[in-house]
Amino acid sequence: MVGRKIRTIVNEQQDSGKRSIIWNAKNENGQPVSAGIYLYQIQAGIFVQTKKLILIK
């Protein structure tokens, strides 16, 4: 894994509750990214969780 930031999807304060986000598999410049394994991170207050996402095209 290279360890580069690809894109920030949501970076704003939100109310509590269930959320669903759809990533269009494009980077910050709007270019499509390659198929592969990506890591995503969720932060809420002091809670931080990182998980794997497998992108198949």
PDB file of N, CA and C in Angstrom:
ATOM      1  N   MET A   1       0.838  -1.179   0.000  1.00  0.00           N
ATOM      2  CA  MET A   1       0.000   0.000   0.000  1.00  0.00           C
ATOM      3  C   MET A   1       0.884   1.244   0.000  1.00  0.00           C
ATOM      4  N   VAL A   2       0.472   2.212  -0.766  1.00  0.00           N
ATOM      5  CA  VAL A   2       1.255   3.436  -0.921  1.00  0.00           C
ATOM      6  C   VAL A   2       1.030   4.387   0.243  1.00  0.00           C
ATOM      7  N   GLY A   3      -0.195   4.508   0.725  1.00  0.00           N
ATOM      8  CA  GLY A   3      -0.475   5.365   1.866  1.00  0.00           C
ATOM      9  C   GLY A   3      -0.740   6.816   1.524  1.00  0.00           C
ATOM     10  N   ARG A   4      -1.284   7.063   0.348  1.00  0.00           N
ATOM     11  CA  ARG A   4      -1.622   8.432  -0.040  1.00  0.00           C
ATOM     12  C   ARG A   4      -3.103   8.712   0.203  1.00  0.00           C
ATOM     13  N   LYS A   5      -3.407   9.950   0.528  1.00  0.00           N
ATOM     14  CA  LYS A   5      -4.801  10.366   0.671  1.00  0.00           C
ATOM     15  C   LYS A   5      -5.402  10.485  -0.725  1.00  0.00           C
ATOM     16  N   ILE A   6      -6.547   9.862  -0.934  1.00  0.00           N
ATOM     17  CA  ILE A   6      -7.205   9.881  -2.236  1.00  0.00           C
ATOM     18  C   ILE A   6      -8.276  10.962  -2.288  1.00  0.00           C
ATOM     19  N   ARG A   7      -9.131  10.966  -1.269  1.00  0.00           N
ATOM     20  CA  ARG A   7     -10.238  11.922  -1.292  1.00  0.00           C
ATOM     21  C   ARG A   7     -10.863  12.045   0.094  1.00  0.00           C
ATOM     22  N   THR A   8     -11.360  13.243   0.400  1.00  0.00           N
ATOM     23  CA  THR A   8     -12.176  13.454   1.586  1.00  0.00           C
ATOM     24  C   THR A   8     -13.624  13.540   1.120  1.00  0.00           C
ATOM     25  N   ILE A   9     -14.465  12.659   1.627  1.00  0.00           N
ATOM     26  CA  ILE A   9     -15.860  12.619   1.192  1.00  0.00           C
ATOM     27  C   ILE A   9     -16.706  13.600   2.008  1.00  0.00           C
ATOM     28  N   VAL A  10     -16.625  13.509   3.333  1.00  0.00           N
ATOM     29  CA  VAL A  10     -17.390  14.389   4.219  1.00  0.00           C
ATOM     30  C   VAL A  10     -16.435  14.944   5.259  1.00  0.00           C
ATOM     31  N   ASN A  11     -16.449  16.253   5.437  1.00  0.00           N
ATOM     32  CA  ASN A  11     -15.611  16.887   6.453  1.00  0.00           C
ATOM     33  C   ASN A  11     -16.411  18.027   7.082  1.00  0.00           C
ATOM     34  N   GLU A  12     -17.455  17.658   7.794  1.00  0.00           N
ATOM     35  CA  GLU A  12     -18.308  18.654   8.436  1.00  0.00           C
ATOM     36  C   GLU A  12     -18.992  18.046   9.652  1.00  0.00           C
ATOM     37  N   GLN A  13     -19.409  18.887  10.546  1.00  0.00           N
ATOM     38  CA  GLN A  13     -20.141  18.469  11.737  1.00  0.00           C
ATOM     39  C   GLN A  13     -21.495  17.915  11.312  1.00  0.00           C
ATOM     40  N   GLN A  14     -21.890  16.770  11.869  1.00  0.00           N
ATOM     41  CA  GLN A  14     -23.184  16.174  11.550  1.00  0.00           C
ATOM     42  C   GLN A  14     -23.892  15.757  12.823  1.00  0.00           C
ATOM     43  N   ASP A  15     -25.210  15.731  12.759  1.00  0.00           N
ATOM     44  CA  ASP A  15     -26.008  15.248  13.878  1.00  0.00           C
ATOM     45  C   ASP A  15     -25.826  13.745  14.018  1.00  0.00           C
ATOM     46  N   SER A  16     -26.099  13.231  15.206  1.00  0.00           N
ATOM     47  CA  SER A  16     -25.975  11.798  15.429  1.00  0.00           C
ATOM     48  C   SER A  16     -27.027  11.054  14.615  1.00  0.00           C
ATOM     49  N   GLY A  17     -26.746   9.802  14.334  1.00  0.00           N
ATOM     50  CA  GLY A  17     -27.675   8.974  13.572  1.00  0.00           C
ATOM     51  C   GLY A  17     -26.947   8.187  12.499  1.00  0.00           C
ATOM     52  N   LYS A  18     -27.676   7.360  11.825  1.00  0.00           N
ATOM     53  CA  LYS A  18     -27.125   6.515  10.781  1.00  0.00           C
ATOM     54  C   LYS A  18     -26.871   7.342   9.525  1.00  0.00           C
ATOM     55  N   ARG A  19     -25.749   7.072   8.865  1.00  0.00           N
ATOM     56  CA  ARG A  19     -25.377   7.786   7.647  1.00  0.00           C
ATOM     57  C   ARG A  19     -24.957   6.790   6.580  1.00  0.00           C
ATOM     58  N   SER A  20     -25.164   7.149   5.338  1.00  0.00           N
ATOM     59  CA  SER A  20     -24.723   6.351   4.211  1.00  0.00           C
ATOM     60  C   SER A  20     -24.068   7.282   3.202  1.00  0.00           C
ATOM     61  N   ILE A  21     -22.882   6.912   2.748  1.00  0.00           N
ATOM     62  CA  ILE A  21     -22.136   7.728   1.799  1.00  0.00           C
ATOM     63  C   ILE A  21     -21.810   6.866   0.586  1.00  0.00           C
ATOM     64  N   ILE A  22     -21.975   7.410  -0.597  1.00  0.00           N
ATOM     65  CA  ILE A  22     -21.602   6.709  -1.824  1.00  0.00           C
ATOM     66  C   ILE A  22     -20.403   7.415  -2.429  1.00  0.00           C
ATOM     67  N   TRP A  23     -19.327   6.664  -2.636  1.00  0.00           N
ATOM     68  CA  TRP A  23     -18.106   7.190  -3.251  1.00  0.00           C
ATOM     69  C   TRP A  23     -18.124   6.789  -4.716  1.00  0.00           C
ATOM     70  N   ASN A  24     -17.923   7.737  -5.600  1.00  0.00           N
ATOM     71  CA  ASN A  24     -17.974   7.455  -7.035  1.00  0.00           C
ATOM     72  C   ASN A  24     -16.643   6.936  -7.590  1.00  0.00           C
ATOM     73  N   ALA A  25     -15.723   6.532  -6.741  1.00  0.00           N
ATOM     74  CA  ALA A  25     -14.412   5.966  -7.124  1.00  0.00           C
ATOM     75  C   ALA A  25     -13.559   6.950  -7.911  1.00  0.00           C
ATOM     76  N   LYS A  26     -13.692   8.236  -7.556  1.00  0.00           N
ATOM     77  CA  LYS A  26     -12.852   9.258  -8.180  1.00  0.00           C
ATOM     78  C   LYS A  26     -12.044   9.964  -7.100  1.00  0.00           C
ATOM     79  N   ASN A  27     -10.877  10.484  -7.469  1.00  0.00           N
ATOM     80  CA  ASN A  27     -10.030  11.179  -6.513  1.00  0.00           C
ATOM     81  C   ASN A  27     -10.437  12.648  -6.397  1.00  0.00           C
ATOM     82  N   GLU A  28      -9.672  13.443  -5.672  1.00  0.00           N
ATOM     83  CA  GLU A  28      -9.995  14.861  -5.462  1.00  0.00           C
ATOM     84  C   GLU A  28     -10.052  15.645  -6.766  1.00  0.00           C
ATOM     85  N   ASN A  29      -9.321  15.178  -7.802  1.00  0.00           N
ATOM     86  CA  ASN A  29      -9.293  15.865  -9.092  1.00  0.00           C
ATOM     87  C   ASN A  29     -10.370  15.384 -10.052  1.00  0.00           C
ATOM     88  N   GLY A  30     -11.216  14.464  -9.599  1.00  0.00           N
ATOM     89  CA  GLY A  30     -12.292  13.944 -10.430  1.00  0.00           C
ATOM     90  C   GLY A  30     -11.861  12.834 -11.371  1.00  0.00           C
ATOM     91  N   GLN A  31     -10.643  12.330 -11.202  1.00  0.00           N
ATOM     92  CA  GLN A  31     -10.146  11.240 -12.044  1.00  0.00           C
ATOM     93  C   GLN A  31     -10.473   9.900 -11.400  1.00  0.00           C
ATOM     94  N   PRO A  32     -10.855   8.909 -12.205  1.00  0.00           N
ATOM     95  CA  PRO A  32     -11.150   7.585 -11.637  1.00  0.00           C
ATOM     96  C   PRO A  32      -9.910   6.941 -11.027  1.00  0.00           C
ATOM     97  N   VAL A  33     -10.101   6.211  -9.949  1.00  0.00           N
ATOM     98  CA  VAL A  33      -8.995   5.512  -9.289  1.00  0.00           C
ATOM     99  C   VAL A  33      -8.994   4.051  -9.729  1.00  0.00           C
ATOM    100  N   SER A  34      -7.886   3.386  -9.524  1.00  0.00           N
ATOM    101  CA  SER A  34      -7.735   1.982  -9.908  1.00  0.00           C
ATOM    102  C   SER A  34      -8.486   1.072  -8.946  1.00  0.00           C
ATOM    103  N   ALA A  35      -8.821  -0.111  -9.442  1.00  0.00           N
ATOM    104  CA  ALA A  35      -9.385  -1.138  -8.577  1.00  0.00           C
ATOM    105  C   ALA A  35      -8.310  -1.548  -7.574  1.00  0.00           C
ATOM    106  N   GLY A  36      -8.728  -1.913  -6.383  1.00  0.00           N
ATOM    107  CA  GLY A  36      -7.769  -2.329  -5.375  1.00  0.00           C
ATOM    108  C   GLY A  36      -8.325  -2.191  -3.976  1.00  0.00           C
ATOM    109  N   ILE A  37      -7.440  -2.239  -2.999  1.00  0.00           N
ATOM    110  CA  ILE A  37      -7.822  -2.135  -1.594  1.00  0.00           C
ATOM    111  C   ILE A  37      -7.526  -0.717  -1.121  1.00  0.00           C
ATOM    112  N   TYR A  38      -8.509  -0.091  -0.521  1.00  0.00           N
ATOM    113  CA  TYR A  38      -8.386   1.262   0.013  1.00  0.00           C
ATOM    114  C   TYR A  38      -8.740   1.233   1.494  1.00  0.00           C
ATOM    115  N   LEU A  39      -8.197   2.148   2.251  1.00  0.00           N
ATOM    116  CA  LEU A  39      -8.536   2.303   3.657  1.00  0.00           C
ATOM    117  C   LEU A  39      -9.390   3.551   3.812  1.00  0.00           C
ATOM    118  N   TYR A  40     -10.420   3.455   4.638  1.00  0.00           N
ATOM    119  CA  TYR A  40     -11.207   4.647   4.945  1.00  0.00           C
ATOM    120  C   TYR A  40     -11.243   4.819   6.452  1.00  0.00           C
ATOM    121  N   GLN A  41     -11.399   6.064   6.870  1.00  0.00           N
ATOM    122  CA  GLN A  41     -11.360   6.373   8.301  1.00  0.00           C
ATOM    123  C   GLN A  41     -12.578   7.192   8.688  1.00  0.00           C
ATOM    124  N   ILE A  42     -13.184   6.820   9.793  1.00  0.00           N
ATOM    125  CA  ILE A  42     -14.326   7.534  10.359  1.00  0.00           C
ATOM    126  C   ILE A  42     -13.887   8.114  11.695  1.00  0.00           C
ATOM    127  N   GLN A  43     -14.142   9.398  11.898  1.00  0.00           N
ATOM    128  CA  GLN A  43     -13.818  10.070  13.159  1.00  0.00           C
ATOM    129  C   GLN A  43     -15.068  10.730  13.702  1.00  0.00           C
ATOM    130  N   ALA A  44     -15.318  10.539  14.977  1.00  0.00           N
ATOM    131  CA  ALA A  44     -16.445  11.172  15.659  1.00  0.00           C
ATOM    132  C   ALA A  44     -16.004  11.456  17.089  1.00  0.00           C
ATOM    133  N   GLY A  45     -15.685  12.703  17.358  1.00  0.00           N
ATOM    134  CA  GLY A  45     -15.164  13.045  18.683  1.00  0.00           C
ATOM    135  C   GLY A  45     -13.838  12.358  18.898  1.00  0.00           C
ATOM    136  N   ILE A  46     -13.743  11.583  19.993  1.00  0.00           N
ATOM    137  CA  ILE A  46     -12.500  10.852  20.245  1.00  0.00           C
ATOM    138  C   ILE A  46     -12.491   9.475  19.566  1.00  0.00           C
ATOM    139  N   PHE A  47     -13.615   9.069  18.999  1.00  0.00           N
ATOM    140  CA  PHE A  47     -13.725   7.788  18.298  1.00  0.00           C
ATOM    141  C   PHE A  47     -13.082   7.898  16.914  1.00  0.00           C
ATOM    142  N   VAL A  48     -12.181   6.975  16.613  1.00  0.00           N
ATOM    143  CA  VAL A  48     -11.556   6.904  15.291  1.00  0.00           C
ATOM    144  C   VAL A  48     -11.521   5.439  14.878  1.00  0.00           C
ATOM    145  N   GLN A  49     -12.012   5.144  13.670  1.00  0.00           N
ATOM    146  CA  GLN A  49     -11.998   3.766  13.188  1.00  0.00           C
ATOM    147  C   GLN A  49     -11.537   3.751  11.728  1.00  0.00           C
ATOM    148  N   THR A  50     -10.624   2.847  11.406  1.00  0.00           N
ATOM    149  CA  THR A  50     -10.131   2.674  10.046  1.00  0.00           C
ATOM    150  C   THR A  50     -10.489   1.269   9.578  1.00  0.00           C
ATOM    151  N   LYS A  51     -11.026   1.185   8.365  1.00  0.00           N
ATOM    152  CA  LYS A  51     -11.422  -0.102   7.801  1.00  0.00           C
ATOM    153  C   LYS A  51     -10.984  -0.189   6.344  1.00  0.00           C
ATOM    154  N   LYS A  52     -11.009  -1.423   5.812  1.00  0.00           N
ATOM    155  CA  LYS A  52     -10.649  -1.655   4.420  1.00  0.00           C
ATOM    156  C   LYS A  52     -11.887  -1.582   3.521  1.00  0.00           C
ATOM    157  N   LEU A  53     -11.671  -1.112   2.311  1.00  0.00           N
ATOM    158  CA  LEU A  53     -12.694  -1.076   1.287  1.00  0.00           C
ATOM    159  C   LEU A  53     -12.072  -1.705   0.046  1.00  0.00           C
ATOM    160  N   ILE A  54     -12.744  -2.660  -0.560  1.00  0.00           N
ATOM    161  CA  ILE A  54     -12.237  -3.301  -1.764  1.00  0.00           C
ATOM    162  C   ILE A  54     -13.038  -2.752  -2.945  1.00  0.00           C
ATOM    163  N   LEU A  55     -12.320  -2.102  -3.874  1.00  0.00           N
ATOM    164  CA  LEU A  55     -12.964  -1.535  -5.057  1.00  0.00           C
ATOM    165  C   LEU A  55     -12.756  -2.486  -6.222  1.00  0.00           C
ATOM    166  N   ILE A  56     -13.850  -2.989  -6.760  1.00  0.00           N
ATOM    167  CA  ILE A  56     -13.825  -3.899  -7.910  1.00  0.00           C
ATOM    168  C   ILE A  56     -14.504  -3.189  -9.062  1.00  0.00           C
ATOM    169  N   LYS A  57     -13.853  -3.171 -10.189  1.00  0.00           N
ATOM    170  CA  LYS A  57     -14.437  -2.522 -11.383  1.00  0.00           C
ATOM    171  C   LYS A  57     -14.814  -3.546 -12.409  1.00  0.00           C
TER     172      LYS A  57
END
